[in-house]
């Protein structure tokens, strides 16, 4: 299908990151990596597909799996296609479903008494969005040294809060 729009739409963004090896098995090819990076905006889709493919290839795992995990409650890990229309639709619908300008008790310091920090963001909507999406991690199979992923599927880290430093953990599991 010919693209009638002369401006190329790129879908998700690929971010620069620092990769830190946290664990390397001595008995097989399993390992755990942390990817450190900075997000730039609310509802940002960060595409880590190529980074994960590279980690899987370098691991030498023939049969196993790879798990992606975010330890942040205001983020999500998703699998979907990197298409600008989908990403824009997601951003519009998540705002309609969980509006930024609504009241969130999480942000009401006159009521809230648990897990408080002086420098905390006003981000009740981000916590609710993370819960509704409900995906802090995904696991994918590795078969015959190939990451099994659909033709259009991409691996996304989604920032539901504001620009900040984040981590994504990538753990490869070797079944041999």
C-alpha atoms as a PDB file:
ATOM      1  CA  UNK A   1       0.000   0.000   0.000  1.00  0.00           C
ATOM      2  CA  UNK A   2       1.397   3.377  -0.988  1.00  0.00           C
ATOM      3  CA  UNK A   3       1.825   5.979   1.734  1.00  0.00           C
ATOM      4  CA  UNK A   4       0.066   9.118   0.448  1.00  0.00           C
ATOM      5  CA  UNK A   5       1.459  11.185   3.322  1.00  0.00           C
ATOM      6  CA  UNK A   6       4.886  12.507   2.368  1.00  0.00           C
ATOM      7  CA  UNK A   7       5.852  12.983   6.026  1.00  0.00           C
ATOM      8  CA  UNK A   8       7.121   9.655   7.375  1.00  0.00           C
ATOM      9  CA  UNK A   9       5.312   8.614  10.546  1.00  0.00           C
ATOM     10  CA  UNK A  10       7.635   6.695  12.822  1.00  0.00           C
ATOM     11  CA  UNK A  11       5.417   5.228  15.535  1.00  0.00           C
ATOM     12  CA  UNK A  12       7.329   4.600  18.761  1.00  0.00           C
ATOM     13  CA  UNK A  13      10.659   6.108  19.726  1.00  0.00           C
ATOM     14  CA  UNK A  14      13.928   4.264  20.230  1.00  0.00           C
ATOM     15  CA  UNK A  15      15.839   5.670  23.203  1.00  0.00           C
ATOM     16  CA  UNK A  16      19.516   5.625  24.061  1.00  0.00           C
ATOM     17  CA  UNK A  17      20.161   3.395  27.049  1.00  0.00           C
ATOM     18  CA  UNK A  18      22.933   2.005  29.202  1.00  0.00           C
ATOM     19  CA  UNK A  19      22.984  -1.791  29.452  1.00  0.00           C
ATOM     20  CA  UNK A  20      24.246  -3.247  32.726  1.00  0.00           C
ATOM     21  CA  UNK A  21      24.776  -6.973  33.224  1.00  0.00           C
ATOM     22  CA  UNK A  22      23.479  -7.936  36.662  1.00  0.00           C
ATOM     23  CA  UNK A  23      23.839 -11.706  36.478  1.00  0.00           C
ATOM     24  CA  UNK A  24      25.429 -14.310  34.202  1.00  0.00           C
ATOM     25  CA  UNK A  25      24.907 -17.990  34.964  1.00  0.00           C
ATOM     26  CA  UNK A  26      27.978 -20.187  35.261  1.00  0.00           C
ATOM     27  CA  UNK A  27      25.996 -23.354  34.418  1.00  0.00           C
ATOM     28  CA  UNK A  28      24.089 -22.210  31.318  1.00  0.00           C
ATOM     29  CA  UNK A  29      23.509 -19.109  29.145  1.00  0.00           C
ATOM     30  CA  UNK A  30      20.896 -17.410  31.357  1.00  0.00           C
ATOM     31  CA  UNK A  31      21.470 -13.787  32.330  1.00  0.00           C
ATOM     32  CA  UNK A  32      19.819 -10.655  33.667  1.00  0.00           C
ATOM     33  CA  UNK A  33      20.395  -7.191  32.208  1.00  0.00           C
ATOM     34  CA  UNK A  34      19.162  -3.781  33.332  1.00  0.00           C
ATOM     35  CA  UNK A  35      18.572  -1.123  30.690  1.00  0.00           C
ATOM     36  CA  UNK A  36      18.860   2.402  32.137  1.00  0.00           C
ATOM     37  CA  UNK A  37      17.325   5.288  30.163  1.00  0.00           C
ATOM     38  CA  UNK A  38      15.423   8.560  30.397  1.00  0.00           C
ATOM     39  CA  UNK A  39      11.875   8.959  29.129  1.00  0.00           C
ATOM     40  CA  UNK A  40      10.799  12.266  27.617  1.00  0.00           C
ATOM     41  CA  UNK A  41       7.016  12.618  28.021  1.00  0.00           C
ATOM     42  CA  UNK A  42       3.752  11.218  29.369  1.00  0.00           C
ATOM     43  CA  UNK A  43       2.327   8.239  27.448  1.00  0.00           C
ATOM     44  CA  UNK A  44       5.585   7.805  25.545  1.00  0.00           C
ATOM     45  CA  UNK A  45       6.037   4.505  23.703  1.00  0.00           C
ATOM     46  CA  UNK A  46       9.690   3.411  23.831  1.00  0.00           C
ATOM     47  CA  UNK A  47      10.573   0.602  21.417  1.00  0.00           C
ATOM     48  CA  UNK A  48      13.101  -1.865  22.841  1.00  0.00           C
ATOM     49  CA  UNK A  49      12.583  -4.605  20.244  1.00  0.00           C
ATOM     50  CA  UNK A  50      15.998  -4.284  18.583  1.00  0.00           C
ATOM     51  CA  UNK A  51      17.774  -4.150  21.947  1.00  0.00           C
ATOM     52  CA  UNK A  52      16.021  -7.333  23.109  1.00  0.00           C
ATOM     53  CA  UNK A  53      16.702  -9.085  19.800  1.00  0.00           C
ATOM     54  CA  UNK A  54      20.387  -8.203  20.198  1.00  0.00           C
ATOM     55  CA  UNK A  55      20.478  -9.513  23.781  1.00  0.00           C
ATOM     56  CA  UNK A  56      18.826 -12.783  22.698  1.00  0.00           C
ATOM     57  CA  UNK A  57      21.198 -13.210  19.741  1.00  0.00           C
ATOM     58  CA  UNK A  58      24.300 -12.523  21.854  1.00  0.00           C
ATOM     59  CA  UNK A  59      23.076 -14.898  24.574  1.00  0.00           C
ATOM     60  CA  UNK A  60      23.493 -17.921  22.319  1.00  0.00           C
ATOM     61  CA  UNK A  61      20.375 -19.498  23.824  1.00  0.00           C
ATOM     62  CA  UNK A  62      18.920 -22.172  21.549  1.00  0.00           C
ATOM     63  CA  UNK A  63      15.739 -22.913  23.550  1.00  0.00           C
ATOM     64  CA  UNK A  64      14.424 -20.802  26.381  1.00  0.00           C
ATOM     65  CA  UNK A  65      12.651 -17.532  26.983  1.00  0.00           C
ATOM     66  CA  UNK A  66      13.186 -13.846  27.576  1.00  0.00           C
ATOM     67  CA  UNK A  67      11.300 -11.794  30.143  1.00  0.00           C
ATOM     68  CA  UNK A  68      10.973  -8.004  30.149  1.00  0.00           C
ATOM     69  CA  UNK A  69       9.969  -6.392  33.447  1.00  0.00           C
ATOM     70  CA  UNK A  70       9.433  -2.823  34.646  1.00  0.00           C
ATOM     71  CA  UNK A  71       9.727  -2.171  38.401  1.00  0.00           C
ATOM     72  CA  UNK A  72       7.852   1.138  38.089  1.00  0.00           C
ATOM     73  CA  UNK A  73       4.136   1.310  39.006  1.00  0.00           C
ATOM     74  CA  UNK A  74       3.495   4.148  36.558  1.00  0.00           C
ATOM     75  CA  UNK A  75       4.811   2.329  33.475  1.00  0.00           C
ATOM     76  CA  UNK A  76       3.851  -0.704  31.404  1.00  0.00           C
ATOM     77  CA  UNK A  77       5.457  -3.266  29.122  1.00  0.00           C
ATOM     78  CA  UNK A  78       3.329  -3.973  26.048  1.00  0.00           C
ATOM     79  CA  UNK A  79       3.493  -5.907  22.809  1.00  0.00           C
ATOM     80  CA  UNK A  80       1.815  -4.258  19.836  1.00  0.00           C
ATOM     81  CA  UNK A  81       2.672  -2.752  16.477  1.00  0.00           C
ATOM     82  CA  UNK A  82       4.693   0.432  16.100  1.00  0.00           C
ATOM     83  CA  UNK A  83       2.184   2.387  14.085  1.00  0.00           C
ATOM     84  CA  UNK A  84       1.529   6.066  14.684  1.00  0.00           C
ATOM     85  CA  UNK A  85      -2.254   5.704  14.378  1.00  0.00           C
ATOM     86  CA  UNK A  86      -2.361   2.994  17.053  1.00  0.00           C
ATOM     87  CA  UNK A  87      -0.143   4.998  19.403  1.00  0.00           C
ATOM     88  CA  UNK A  88      -2.209   8.170  18.914  1.00  0.00           C
ATOM     89  CA  UNK A  89      -5.428   6.153  19.421  1.00  0.00           C
ATOM     90  CA  UNK A  90      -4.004   4.689  22.653  1.00  0.00           C
ATOM     91  CA  UNK A  91      -3.080   8.151  23.959  1.00  0.00           C
ATOM     92  CA  UNK A  92      -6.537   9.571  23.159  1.00  0.00           C
ATOM     93  CA  UNK A  93      -8.445   6.633  24.634  1.00  0.00           C
ATOM     94  CA  UNK A  94      -6.374   6.384  27.820  1.00  0.00           C
ATOM     95  CA  UNK A  95      -6.963  10.118  28.388  1.00  0.00           C
ATOM     96  CA  UNK A  96     -10.725   9.662  27.845  1.00  0.00           C
ATOM     97  CA  UNK A  97     -10.839   6.636  30.152  1.00  0.00           C
ATOM     98  CA  UNK A  98      -8.557   8.072  32.865  1.00  0.00           C
ATOM     99  CA  UNK A  99      -8.491  11.884  32.448  1.00  0.00           C
ATOM    100  CA  UNK A 100      -5.495  13.876  33.660  1.00  0.00           C
ATOM    101  CA  UNK A 101      -7.690  16.639  35.060  1.00  0.00           C
ATOM    102  CA  UNK A 102      -9.866  14.411  37.299  1.00  0.00           C
ATOM    103  CA  UNK A 103      -9.597  14.201  41.078  1.00  0.00           C
ATOM    104  CA  UNK A 104      -7.385  11.351  42.358  1.00  0.00           C
ATOM    105  CA  UNK A 105      -7.316  10.640  46.091  1.00  0.00           C
ATOM    106  CA  UNK A 106      -3.708   9.474  45.668  1.00  0.00           C
ATOM    107  CA  UNK A 107      -2.814  13.145  45.040  1.00  0.00           C
ATOM    108  CA  UNK A 108      -4.826  14.509  47.985  1.00  0.00           C
ATOM    109  CA  UNK A 109      -2.225  15.097  50.716  1.00  0.00           C
ATOM    110  CA  UNK A 110      -4.958  16.052  53.184  1.00  0.00           C
ATOM    111  CA  UNK A 111      -6.265  12.451  53.042  1.00  0.00           C
ATOM    112  CA  UNK A 112      -3.316  10.305  52.070  1.00  0.00           C
ATOM    113  CA  UNK A 113      -1.093   8.885  54.801  1.00  0.00           C
ATOM    114  CA  UNK A 114       0.835   5.970  53.194  1.00  0.00           C
ATOM    115  CA  UNK A 115       3.961   5.779  51.010  1.00  0.00           C
ATOM    116  CA  UNK A 116       4.513   9.544  50.834  1.00  0.00           C
ATOM    117  CA  UNK A 117       7.604  11.449  49.679  1.00  0.00           C
ATOM    118  CA  UNK A 118       8.164  15.201  49.793  1.00  0.00           C
ATOM    119  CA  UNK A 119       9.265  15.370  46.142  1.00  0.00           C
ATOM    120  CA  UNK A 120       6.491  13.094  44.823  1.00  0.00           C
ATOM    121  CA  UNK A 121       4.798  13.879  41.525  1.00  0.00           C
ATOM    122  CA  UNK A 122       1.069  14.505  41.303  1.00  0.00           C
ATOM    123  CA  UNK A 123       0.469  11.241  39.455  1.00  0.00           C
ATOM    124  CA  UNK A 124      -2.665   9.492  40.656  1.00  0.00           C
ATOM    125  CA  UNK A 125      -3.821   9.186  37.040  1.00  0.00           C
ATOM    126  CA  UNK A 126      -0.529   7.450  36.123  1.00  0.00           C
ATOM    127  CA  UNK A 127      -1.001   4.817  38.840  1.00  0.00           C
ATOM    128  CA  UNK A 128      -4.580   4.157  37.730  1.00  0.00           C
ATOM    129  CA  UNK A 129      -3.480   3.918  34.087  1.00  0.00           C
ATOM    130  CA  UNK A 130      -0.780   1.415  35.022  1.00  0.00           C
ATOM    131  CA  UNK A 131      -3.318  -0.698  36.894  1.00  0.00           C
ATOM    132  CA  UNK A 132      -5.857  -0.625  34.063  1.00  0.00           C
ATOM    133  CA  UNK A 133      -3.224  -1.640  31.511  1.00  0.00           C
ATOM    134  CA  UNK A 134      -1.966  -4.202  34.016  1.00  0.00           C
ATOM    135  CA  UNK A 135       1.237  -5.226  32.314  1.00  0.00           C
ATOM    136  CA  UNK A 136       4.490  -4.861  34.224  1.00  0.00           C
ATOM    137  CA  UNK A 137       6.141  -7.639  32.241  1.00  0.00           C
ATOM    138  CA  UNK A 138       6.001 -10.051  29.314  1.00  0.00           C
ATOM    139  CA  UNK A 139       7.728 -13.355  28.574  1.00  0.00           C
ATOM    140  CA  UNK A 140       8.454 -14.580  25.051  1.00  0.00           C
ATOM    141  CA  UNK A 141       9.802 -17.928  23.840  1.00  0.00           C
ATOM    142  CA  UNK A 142      13.177 -18.470  22.189  1.00  0.00           C
ATOM    143  CA  UNK A 143      13.061 -21.456  19.811  1.00  0.00           C
ATOM    144  CA  UNK A 144      16.022 -22.531  17.670  1.00  0.00           C
ATOM    145  CA  UNK A 145      17.847 -19.333  18.745  1.00  0.00           C
ATOM    146  CA  UNK A 146      15.000 -17.141  17.436  1.00  0.00           C
ATOM    147  CA  UNK A 147      12.853 -14.822  19.521  1.00  0.00           C
ATOM    148  CA  UNK A 148       9.269 -15.760  18.660  1.00  0.00           C
ATOM    149  CA  UNK A 149       7.416 -12.546  17.937  1.00  0.00           C
ATOM    150  CA  UNK A 150       4.747 -11.692  15.368  1.00  0.00           C
ATOM    151  CA  UNK A 151       5.509  -9.916  12.109  1.00  0.00           C
ATOM    152  CA  UNK A 152       4.305  -6.517  13.300  1.00  0.00           C
ATOM    153  CA  UNK A 153       4.804  -6.976  17.027  1.00  0.00           C
ATOM    154  CA  UNK A 154       7.190  -4.675  18.858  1.00  0.00           C
ATOM    155  CA  UNK A 155       8.280  -4.626  22.504  1.00  0.00           C
ATOM    156  CA  UNK A 156       7.319  -1.388  24.200  1.00  0.00           C
ATOM    157  CA  UNK A 157       8.100   0.268  27.497  1.00  0.00           C
ATOM    158  CA  UNK A 158       5.284   2.805  28.008  1.00  0.00           C
ATOM    159  CA  UNK A 159       5.828   5.828  30.244  1.00  0.00           C
ATOM    160  CA  UNK A 160       2.481   6.690  31.877  1.00  0.00           C
ATOM    161  CA  UNK A 161       3.823   9.415  34.170  1.00  0.00           C
ATOM    162  CA  UNK A 162       6.306  12.190  33.331  1.00  0.00           C
ATOM    163  CA  UNK A 163       9.810  12.315  31.871  1.00  0.00           C
ATOM    164  CA  UNK A 164      12.271  10.678  34.251  1.00  0.00           C
ATOM    165  CA  UNK A 165      15.010   8.083  34.670  1.00  0.00           C
ATOM    166  CA  UNK A 166      13.742   4.523  34.268  1.00  0.00           C
ATOM    167  CA  UNK A 167      14.906   0.893  34.169  1.00  0.00           C
ATOM    168  CA  UNK A 168      13.785  -2.105  32.155  1.00  0.00           C
ATOM    169  CA  UNK A 169      15.016  -5.554  33.158  1.00  0.00           C
ATOM    170  CA  UNK A 170      15.673  -8.177  30.503  1.00  0.00           C
ATOM    171  CA  UNK A 171      16.192 -11.732  31.741  1.00  0.00           C
ATOM    172  CA  UNK A 172      17.098 -14.582  29.398  1.00  0.00           C
ATOM    173  CA  UNK A 173      16.390 -18.131  30.565  1.00  0.00           C
ATOM    174  CA  UNK A 174      18.254 -21.041  28.968  1.00  0.00           C
ATOM    175  CA  UNK A 175      16.373 -24.374  28.978  1.00  0.00           C
ATOM    176  CA  UNK A 176      19.340 -26.440  27.811  1.00  0.00           C
END
